[in-house]
N, C-alpha and C. Protein backbone atom coordinates (compact mmCIF):
# COMPACT_ATOMS: atom_id res chain seq x y z
N UNK A 1 95.36 99.40 94.42
CA UNK A 1 94.77 98.43 95.33
C UNK A 1 93.25 98.42 95.18
N UNK A 2 92.68 99.59 94.91
CA UNK A 2 91.22 99.63 94.72
C UNK A 2 90.82 98.80 93.51
N UNK A 3 91.63 98.81 92.48
CA UNK A 3 91.35 98.02 91.28
C UNK A 3 91.31 96.53 91.62
N UNK A 4 92.18 96.09 92.52
CA UNK A 4 92.19 94.68 92.93
C UNK A 4 90.89 94.30 93.62
N UNK A 5 90.34 95.22 94.41
CA UNK A 5 89.05 94.97 95.06
C UNK A 5 87.96 94.90 94.00
N UNK A 6 87.98 95.87 93.09
CA UNK A 6 86.96 95.91 92.03
C UNK A 6 86.99 94.65 91.16
N UNK A 7 88.18 94.11 90.94
CA UNK A 7 88.32 92.89 90.13
C UNK A 7 87.99 91.62 90.93
N UNK A 8 87.76 91.78 92.20
CA UNK A 8 87.44 90.64 93.05
C UNK A 8 88.64 89.80 93.44
N UNK A 9 89.83 90.35 93.24
CA UNK A 9 91.05 89.61 93.56
C UNK A 9 91.39 89.68 95.05
N UNK A 10 90.93 90.72 95.70
CA UNK A 10 91.08 90.86 97.16
C UNK A 10 89.77 91.38 97.71
N UNK A 11 89.52 91.09 98.98
CA UNK A 11 88.25 91.52 99.59
C UNK A 11 88.34 92.89 100.22
N UNK A 12 89.53 93.26 100.69
CA UNK A 12 89.67 94.53 101.41
C UNK A 12 91.08 95.06 101.24
N UNK A 13 91.24 96.32 101.62
CA UNK A 13 92.53 96.99 101.55
C UNK A 13 93.02 97.23 102.98
N UNK A 14 94.29 96.99 103.18
CA UNK A 14 94.90 97.27 104.47
C UNK A 14 96.05 98.24 104.31
N UNK A 15 96.39 98.90 105.40
CA UNK A 15 97.51 99.84 105.41
C UNK A 15 98.45 99.43 106.53
N UNK A 16 99.65 99.97 106.49
CA UNK A 16 100.64 99.61 107.50
C UNK A 16 101.48 100.82 107.86
N UNK A 17 101.71 100.99 109.15
CA UNK A 17 102.61 102.02 109.67
C UNK A 17 102.25 103.44 109.25
N UNK A 18 100.98 103.74 109.18
CA UNK A 18 100.54 105.08 108.81
C UNK A 18 100.25 105.91 110.05
N UNK A 19 100.61 107.17 109.98
CA UNK A 19 100.25 108.10 111.04
C UNK A 19 98.80 108.53 110.84
N UNK A 20 98.25 109.19 111.83
CA UNK A 20 96.88 109.71 111.72
C UNK A 20 96.77 110.63 110.51
N UNK A 21 97.78 111.47 110.32
CA UNK A 21 97.77 112.41 109.20
C UNK A 21 97.77 111.68 107.86
N UNK A 22 98.53 110.60 107.76
CA UNK A 22 98.57 109.83 106.52
C UNK A 22 97.23 109.16 106.26
N UNK A 23 96.58 108.67 107.33
CA UNK A 23 95.25 108.06 107.18
C UNK A 23 94.26 109.11 106.68
N UNK A 24 94.35 110.33 107.20
CA UNK A 24 93.47 111.41 106.74
C UNK A 24 93.67 111.66 105.25
N UNK A 25 94.92 111.66 104.78
CA UNK A 25 95.21 111.83 103.35
C UNK A 25 94.57 110.71 102.54
N UNK A 26 94.71 109.49 103.03
CA UNK A 26 94.13 108.33 102.33
C UNK A 26 92.62 108.47 102.26
N UNK A 27 92.00 108.86 103.36
CA UNK A 27 90.54 108.99 103.40
C UNK A 27 90.03 110.08 102.46
N UNK A 28 90.82 111.12 102.24
CA UNK A 28 90.42 112.19 101.32
C UNK A 28 90.38 111.69 99.88
N UNK A 29 91.26 110.76 99.54
CA UNK A 29 91.43 110.36 98.14
C UNK A 29 90.84 109.00 97.79
N UNK A 30 90.73 108.12 98.75
CA UNK A 30 90.35 106.74 98.45
C UNK A 30 88.84 106.57 98.29
N UNK A 31 88.46 105.80 97.27
CA UNK A 31 87.05 105.39 97.14
C UNK A 31 86.77 104.27 98.12
N UNK A 32 87.70 103.33 98.20
CA UNK A 32 87.57 102.18 99.10
C UNK A 32 88.48 102.43 100.30
N UNK A 33 87.87 102.52 101.45
CA UNK A 33 88.61 102.85 102.67
C UNK A 33 89.33 101.61 103.21
N UNK A 34 90.46 101.83 103.88
CA UNK A 34 91.18 100.69 104.46
C UNK A 34 90.36 99.99 105.53
N UNK A 35 90.43 98.67 105.54
CA UNK A 35 89.69 97.87 106.53
C UNK A 35 90.55 97.56 107.75
N UNK A 36 91.87 97.57 107.55
CA UNK A 36 92.77 97.18 108.64
C UNK A 36 94.05 98.00 108.57
N UNK A 37 94.62 98.25 109.73
CA UNK A 37 95.87 99.00 109.82
C UNK A 37 96.82 98.23 110.72
N UNK A 38 97.95 97.85 110.17
CA UNK A 38 98.97 97.12 110.94
C UNK A 38 100.06 98.09 111.37
N UNK A 39 100.30 98.15 112.67
CA UNK A 39 101.39 98.98 113.18
C UNK A 39 101.89 98.43 114.51
N UNK A 40 103.08 98.88 114.89
CA UNK A 40 103.67 98.42 116.15
C UNK A 40 102.84 98.93 117.32
N UNK A 41 102.43 98.00 118.17
CA UNK A 41 101.57 98.36 119.30
C UNK A 41 101.80 97.37 120.42
N UNK A 42 102.20 97.89 121.55
CA UNK A 42 102.50 97.09 122.75
C UNK A 42 102.50 98.04 123.93
N UNK A 43 102.65 97.56 125.15
CA UNK A 43 102.58 98.45 126.31
C UNK A 43 103.59 99.61 126.32
N UNK A 44 104.73 99.46 125.67
CA UNK A 44 105.70 100.56 125.61
C UNK A 44 105.39 101.54 124.48
N UNK A 45 104.50 101.16 123.57
CA UNK A 45 104.10 102.02 122.45
C UNK A 45 102.60 101.84 122.22
N UNK A 46 101.81 102.44 123.09
CA UNK A 46 100.36 102.20 123.09
C UNK A 46 99.62 102.99 122.02
N UNK A 47 100.14 104.11 121.59
CA UNK A 47 99.58 104.90 120.50
C UNK A 47 98.06 105.09 120.64
N UNK A 48 97.66 105.55 121.81
CA UNK A 48 96.23 105.68 122.11
C UNK A 48 95.48 106.54 121.09
N UNK A 49 96.06 107.67 120.72
CA UNK A 49 95.36 108.56 119.79
C UNK A 49 95.14 107.87 118.44
N UNK A 50 96.15 107.18 117.95
CA UNK A 50 96.03 106.47 116.68
C UNK A 50 95.02 105.32 116.79
N UNK A 51 95.06 104.60 117.90
CA UNK A 51 94.11 103.49 118.12
C UNK A 51 92.68 104.01 118.15
N UNK A 52 92.45 105.07 118.90
CA UNK A 52 91.10 105.65 118.99
C UNK A 52 90.62 106.12 117.62
N UNK A 53 91.52 106.74 116.86
CA UNK A 53 91.17 107.24 115.53
C UNK A 53 90.78 106.07 114.62
N UNK A 54 91.57 105.01 114.64
CA UNK A 54 91.26 103.84 113.81
C UNK A 54 89.92 103.23 114.21
N UNK A 55 89.69 103.08 115.52
CA UNK A 55 88.42 102.52 115.99
C UNK A 55 87.24 103.40 115.56
N UNK A 56 87.43 104.72 115.64
CA UNK A 56 86.37 105.66 115.24
C UNK A 56 86.01 105.49 113.77
N UNK A 57 87.01 105.22 112.94
CA UNK A 57 86.78 105.05 111.51
C UNK A 57 86.36 103.62 111.14
N UNK A 58 86.36 102.73 112.12
CA UNK A 58 86.01 101.34 111.85
C UNK A 58 87.15 100.55 111.23
N UNK A 59 88.37 101.02 111.43
CA UNK A 59 89.55 100.32 110.92
C UNK A 59 90.05 99.37 112.00
N UNK A 60 90.11 98.08 111.68
CA UNK A 60 90.63 97.08 112.62
C UNK A 60 92.14 97.26 112.77
N UNK A 61 92.64 97.12 113.96
CA UNK A 61 94.08 97.25 114.22
C UNK A 61 94.71 95.87 114.31
N UNK A 62 95.83 95.71 113.61
CA UNK A 62 96.68 94.54 113.78
C UNK A 62 97.95 95.02 114.46
N UNK A 63 98.19 94.53 115.66
CA UNK A 63 99.36 94.94 116.43
C UNK A 63 100.53 94.01 116.15
N UNK A 64 101.60 94.59 115.55
CA UNK A 64 102.79 93.76 115.41
C UNK A 64 103.78 94.09 116.52
N UNK A 65 104.66 93.17 116.78
CA UNK A 65 105.62 93.23 117.89
C UNK A 65 104.92 93.36 119.25
N UNK A 66 103.85 92.58 119.48
CA UNK A 66 103.15 92.71 120.76
C UNK A 66 103.99 92.27 121.96
N UNK A 67 105.07 91.53 121.70
CA UNK A 67 105.95 91.08 122.77
C UNK A 67 107.24 91.89 122.81
N UNK A 68 107.32 92.92 121.95
CA UNK A 68 108.59 93.60 121.77
C UNK A 68 109.43 92.73 120.87
N UNK A 69 110.70 93.03 120.74
CA UNK A 69 111.57 92.20 119.92
C UNK A 69 113.00 92.36 120.39
N UNK A 70 113.75 91.32 120.26
CA UNK A 70 115.18 91.39 120.57
C UNK A 70 115.99 91.27 119.29
N UNK A 71 115.33 91.41 118.16
CA UNK A 71 116.00 91.23 116.87
C UNK A 71 116.94 92.37 116.51
N UNK A 72 116.82 93.50 117.15
CA UNK A 72 117.57 94.66 116.70
C UNK A 72 118.66 95.11 117.67
N UNK A 73 118.30 95.79 118.72
CA UNK A 73 119.30 96.34 119.63
C UNK A 73 119.26 95.61 120.97
N UNK A 74 120.42 95.20 121.42
CA UNK A 74 120.50 94.48 122.69
C UNK A 74 120.14 95.37 123.87
N UNK A 75 120.36 96.68 123.74
CA UNK A 75 120.07 97.57 124.86
C UNK A 75 118.59 97.94 124.97
N UNK A 76 117.77 97.44 124.06
CA UNK A 76 116.34 97.70 124.14
C UNK A 76 115.76 97.12 125.43
N UNK A 77 114.76 97.78 125.98
CA UNK A 77 114.10 97.22 127.16
C UNK A 77 113.35 95.94 126.78
N UNK A 78 113.06 95.11 127.77
CA UNK A 78 112.37 93.85 127.51
C UNK A 78 110.98 93.88 128.13
N UNK A 79 109.97 93.82 127.28
CA UNK A 79 108.59 93.72 127.78
C UNK A 79 108.39 92.44 128.58
N UNK A 80 109.02 91.37 128.14
CA UNK A 80 108.85 90.07 128.79
C UNK A 80 109.48 90.03 130.18
N UNK A 81 110.33 91.01 130.48
CA UNK A 81 110.98 91.06 131.79
C UNK A 81 110.54 92.28 132.59
N UNK A 82 109.58 93.03 132.07
CA UNK A 82 109.11 94.22 132.77
C UNK A 82 108.47 93.81 134.10
N UNK A 83 108.84 94.47 135.21
CA UNK A 83 108.31 94.09 136.53
C UNK A 83 106.79 94.12 136.63
N UNK A 84 106.15 95.08 135.98
CA UNK A 84 104.68 95.15 136.01
C UNK A 84 104.08 93.95 135.29
N UNK A 85 104.61 93.62 134.13
CA UNK A 85 104.12 92.47 133.36
C UNK A 85 104.37 91.18 134.14
N UNK A 86 105.55 91.06 134.73
CA UNK A 86 105.87 89.86 135.52
C UNK A 86 104.93 89.70 136.71
N UNK A 87 104.61 90.81 137.37
CA UNK A 87 103.71 90.77 138.53
C UNK A 87 102.31 90.32 138.12
N UNK A 88 101.81 90.87 137.02
CA UNK A 88 100.46 90.50 136.55
C UNK A 88 100.45 89.04 136.09
N UNK A 89 101.51 88.61 135.41
CA UNK A 89 101.60 87.21 134.96
C UNK A 89 101.59 86.27 136.16
N UNK A 90 102.33 86.62 137.19
CA UNK A 90 102.37 85.79 138.40
C UNK A 90 100.99 85.72 139.05
N UNK A 91 100.31 86.86 139.11
CA UNK A 91 98.97 86.93 139.71
C UNK A 91 97.99 85.99 138.99
N UNK A 92 98.09 85.92 137.67
CA UNK A 92 97.17 85.09 136.87
C UNK A 92 97.72 83.69 136.60
N UNK A 93 98.95 83.44 137.06
CA UNK A 93 99.60 82.14 136.87
C UNK A 93 99.75 81.78 135.38
N UNK A 94 100.21 82.77 134.61
CA UNK A 94 100.44 82.59 133.17
C UNK A 94 101.79 83.22 132.82
N UNK A 95 102.19 83.09 131.58
CA UNK A 95 103.47 83.66 131.14
C UNK A 95 103.35 85.15 130.84
N UNK A 96 104.46 85.88 130.89
CA UNK A 96 104.43 87.29 130.49
C UNK A 96 103.94 87.46 129.05
N UNK A 97 104.32 86.54 128.16
CA UNK A 97 103.86 86.62 126.77
C UNK A 97 102.34 86.55 126.69
N UNK A 98 101.74 85.68 127.48
CA UNK A 98 100.28 85.58 127.49
C UNK A 98 99.64 86.87 127.96
N UNK A 99 100.23 87.52 128.93
CA UNK A 99 99.69 88.80 129.42
C UNK A 99 99.77 89.85 128.31
N UNK A 100 100.91 89.92 127.63
CA UNK A 100 101.09 90.93 126.58
C UNK A 100 100.12 90.71 125.42
N UNK A 101 99.95 89.46 125.02
CA UNK A 101 99.02 89.16 123.92
C UNK A 101 97.59 89.46 124.35
N UNK A 102 97.22 89.03 125.54
CA UNK A 102 95.85 89.25 126.03
C UNK A 102 95.56 90.74 126.19
N UNK A 103 96.54 91.51 126.64
CA UNK A 103 96.36 92.97 126.78
C UNK A 103 95.92 93.57 125.45
N UNK A 104 96.60 93.18 124.38
CA UNK A 104 96.27 93.73 123.07
C UNK A 104 94.91 93.24 122.58
N UNK A 105 94.64 91.95 122.76
CA UNK A 105 93.34 91.40 122.35
C UNK A 105 92.22 92.06 123.13
N UNK A 106 92.43 92.25 124.42
CA UNK A 106 91.39 92.85 125.27
C UNK A 106 91.12 94.31 124.87
N UNK A 107 92.06 94.93 124.19
CA UNK A 107 91.88 96.29 123.67
C UNK A 107 91.18 96.27 122.30
N UNK A 108 90.86 95.07 121.79
CA UNK A 108 90.15 94.97 120.52
C UNK A 108 91.04 94.79 119.32
N UNK A 109 92.31 94.51 119.54
CA UNK A 109 93.26 94.36 118.44
C UNK A 109 93.42 92.91 118.01
N UNK A 110 93.82 92.75 116.76
CA UNK A 110 94.33 91.48 116.27
C UNK A 110 95.83 91.53 116.57
N UNK A 111 96.41 90.44 117.02
CA UNK A 111 97.84 90.44 117.32
C UNK A 111 98.56 89.41 116.46
N UNK A 112 99.81 89.72 116.14
CA UNK A 112 100.61 88.79 115.36
C UNK A 112 101.97 88.60 116.05
N UNK A 113 101.95 87.82 117.13
CA UNK A 113 103.22 87.54 117.80
C UNK A 113 104.03 86.54 116.99
N UNK A 114 105.33 86.72 117.00
CA UNK A 114 106.20 85.76 116.31
C UNK A 114 106.27 84.49 117.14
N UNK A 115 105.95 83.38 116.52
CA UNK A 115 106.06 82.08 117.19
C UNK A 115 106.28 81.02 116.12
N UNK A 116 107.37 80.29 116.23
CA UNK A 116 107.64 79.23 115.27
C UNK A 116 107.62 77.85 115.91
N UNK A 117 107.81 77.80 117.21
CA UNK A 117 107.78 76.51 117.91
C UNK A 117 106.34 76.19 118.31
N UNK A 118 105.92 74.95 118.09
CA UNK A 118 104.54 74.56 118.44
C UNK A 118 104.16 74.90 119.88
N UNK A 119 105.08 74.74 120.82
CA UNK A 119 104.75 75.03 122.22
C UNK A 119 104.51 76.52 122.45
N UNK A 120 105.20 77.39 121.69
CA UNK A 120 104.96 78.83 121.82
C UNK A 120 103.61 79.21 121.21
N UNK A 121 103.28 78.58 120.10
CA UNK A 121 101.99 78.84 119.46
C UNK A 121 100.86 78.44 120.40
N UNK A 122 100.98 77.26 120.99
CA UNK A 122 99.98 76.79 121.95
C UNK A 122 99.90 77.73 123.15
N UNK A 123 101.05 78.14 123.66
CA UNK A 123 101.11 79.06 124.80
C UNK A 123 100.40 80.37 124.47
N UNK A 124 100.62 80.86 123.24
CA UNK A 124 99.97 82.11 122.83
C UNK A 124 98.45 81.97 122.87
N UNK A 125 97.93 80.85 122.38
CA UNK A 125 96.48 80.64 122.38
C UNK A 125 95.90 80.53 123.78
N UNK A 126 96.69 80.06 124.71
CA UNK A 126 96.23 79.91 126.10
C UNK A 126 95.88 81.26 126.72
N UNK A 127 96.37 82.35 126.15
CA UNK A 127 96.06 83.68 126.70
C UNK A 127 94.56 83.96 126.66
N UNK A 128 93.85 83.27 125.78
CA UNK A 128 92.41 83.50 125.66
C UNK A 128 91.66 83.10 126.92
N UNK A 129 92.27 82.30 127.76
CA UNK A 129 91.63 81.89 129.02
C UNK A 129 91.79 82.94 130.12
N UNK A 130 92.67 83.90 129.89
CA UNK A 130 92.96 84.94 130.89
C UNK A 130 92.00 86.11 130.73
N UNK A 131 91.54 86.67 131.82
CA UNK A 131 90.73 87.90 131.80
C UNK A 131 91.47 88.92 132.65
N UNK A 132 92.07 89.89 131.99
CA UNK A 132 92.76 90.94 132.73
C UNK A 132 91.74 91.85 133.39
N UNK A 133 92.00 92.22 134.62
CA UNK A 133 91.09 93.09 135.35
C UNK A 133 91.30 94.54 134.91
N UNK A 134 90.37 95.38 135.30
CA UNK A 134 90.50 96.81 135.01
C UNK A 134 91.79 97.34 135.64
N UNK A 135 92.10 96.87 136.84
CA UNK A 135 93.33 97.29 137.52
C UNK A 135 94.57 96.83 136.75
N UNK A 136 94.54 95.60 136.23
CA UNK A 136 95.66 95.10 135.41
C UNK A 136 95.86 96.02 134.20
N UNK A 137 94.77 96.35 133.54
CA UNK A 137 94.84 97.20 132.34
C UNK A 137 95.39 98.59 132.70
N UNK A 138 94.98 99.12 133.84
CA UNK A 138 95.49 100.44 134.28
C UNK A 138 96.98 100.37 134.57
N UNK A 139 97.41 99.30 135.22
CA UNK A 139 98.84 99.14 135.51
C UNK A 139 99.65 99.08 134.22
N UNK A 140 99.17 98.32 133.27
CA UNK A 140 99.87 98.20 131.99
C UNK A 140 99.88 99.54 131.25
N UNK A 141 98.81 100.30 131.37
CA UNK A 141 98.74 101.62 130.72
C UNK A 141 99.86 102.54 131.19
N UNK A 142 100.32 102.36 132.41
CA UNK A 142 101.39 103.23 132.94
C UNK A 142 102.74 102.95 132.29
N UNK A 143 102.86 101.88 131.52
CA UNK A 143 104.14 101.51 130.92
C UNK A 143 104.45 102.26 129.63
N UNK A 144 103.47 102.97 129.08
CA UNK A 144 103.65 103.65 127.79
C UNK A 144 104.83 104.62 127.86
N UNK A 145 105.76 104.48 126.92
CA UNK A 145 106.91 105.37 126.87
C UNK A 145 107.24 105.80 125.44
N UNK A 146 106.28 105.60 124.52
CA UNK A 146 106.45 105.97 123.12
C UNK A 146 107.73 105.35 122.54
N UNK A 147 107.96 104.10 122.85
CA UNK A 147 109.18 103.41 122.44
C UNK A 147 108.92 102.45 121.29
N UNK A 148 109.61 102.69 120.17
CA UNK A 148 109.55 101.79 119.01
C UNK A 148 110.66 100.75 119.12
N UNK A 149 110.30 99.48 119.09
CA UNK A 149 111.31 98.43 118.94
C UNK A 149 111.77 98.39 117.49
N UNK A 150 110.86 98.69 116.58
CA UNK A 150 111.14 98.64 115.15
C UNK A 150 110.96 100.05 114.59
N UNK A 151 112.08 100.68 114.23
CA UNK A 151 112.01 102.04 113.69
C UNK A 151 112.94 102.13 112.48
N UNK A 152 112.37 102.30 111.29
CA UNK A 152 113.17 102.32 110.06
C UNK A 152 114.25 103.40 110.03
N UNK A 153 114.09 104.45 110.82
CA UNK A 153 115.11 105.50 110.82
C UNK A 153 116.44 104.96 111.34
N UNK A 154 116.37 103.96 112.22
CA UNK A 154 117.59 103.36 112.78
C UNK A 154 118.34 102.51 111.76
N UNK A 155 117.65 101.97 110.78
CA UNK A 155 118.26 101.01 109.86
C UNK A 155 118.41 101.53 108.44
N UNK A 156 117.42 102.24 107.96
CA UNK A 156 117.43 102.67 106.57
C UNK A 156 117.36 104.19 106.43
N UNK A 157 117.42 104.90 107.54
CA UNK A 157 117.33 106.36 107.55
C UNK A 157 116.05 106.86 106.89
N UNK A 158 114.96 106.13 107.11
CA UNK A 158 113.64 106.52 106.62
C UNK A 158 112.82 106.96 107.83
N UNK A 159 112.38 108.22 107.82
CA UNK A 159 111.62 108.76 108.96
C UNK A 159 110.13 108.47 108.78
N UNK A 160 109.79 107.19 108.86
CA UNK A 160 108.42 106.72 108.62
C UNK A 160 107.42 107.32 109.60
N UNK A 161 107.84 107.55 110.83
CA UNK A 161 106.92 108.01 111.87
C UNK A 161 107.01 109.51 112.15
N UNK A 162 107.78 110.26 111.35
CA UNK A 162 107.88 111.70 111.53
C UNK A 162 108.51 112.09 112.84
N UNK A 163 109.49 111.33 113.28
CA UNK A 163 110.08 111.57 114.59
C UNK A 163 111.47 112.19 114.55
N UNK A 164 112.06 112.35 113.38
CA UNK A 164 113.43 112.85 113.29
C UNK A 164 113.58 114.22 113.93
N UNK A 165 112.60 115.07 113.73
CA UNK A 165 112.69 116.43 114.28
C UNK A 165 112.29 116.51 115.74
N UNK A 166 111.75 115.42 116.30
CA UNK A 166 111.33 115.42 117.70
C UNK A 166 112.49 115.09 118.64
N UNK A 167 113.59 114.59 118.08
CA UNK A 167 114.72 114.16 118.91
C UNK A 167 115.62 115.31 119.27
């Protein structure tokens, strides 16, 4: 990937789904440091330590699955139906999706919510008009439960996040 930067074919290098330890390994060996790190990040999986580490290194975070996902297991919890999120959405007179997207943006992240319908895309952009209060952010912080909606160990038996021995 560094060669692609040197050749001018790409401007920067990004990483995805790396733990803090993996980022440390990359930093020890890489001449060109990653500019962005994409990983699952939402109120149920806030990954504060990883976020702080990335910010400290100047690595921009791209949060995928900011709304959670229903693509995998039906028994998964729903961020869009979480009582705290619903209460905050009602208070601001916006959708739960807008609250979830704004929460991530307000934390300094780039977000990539899945939206294919024009009305959902427009709705997502409307979150920029919302300003979550410090109290809203604190309430959302209480939702962290270290829950992955997307975990490769469930599908491909790949322990990407080093969690197999923690169970």
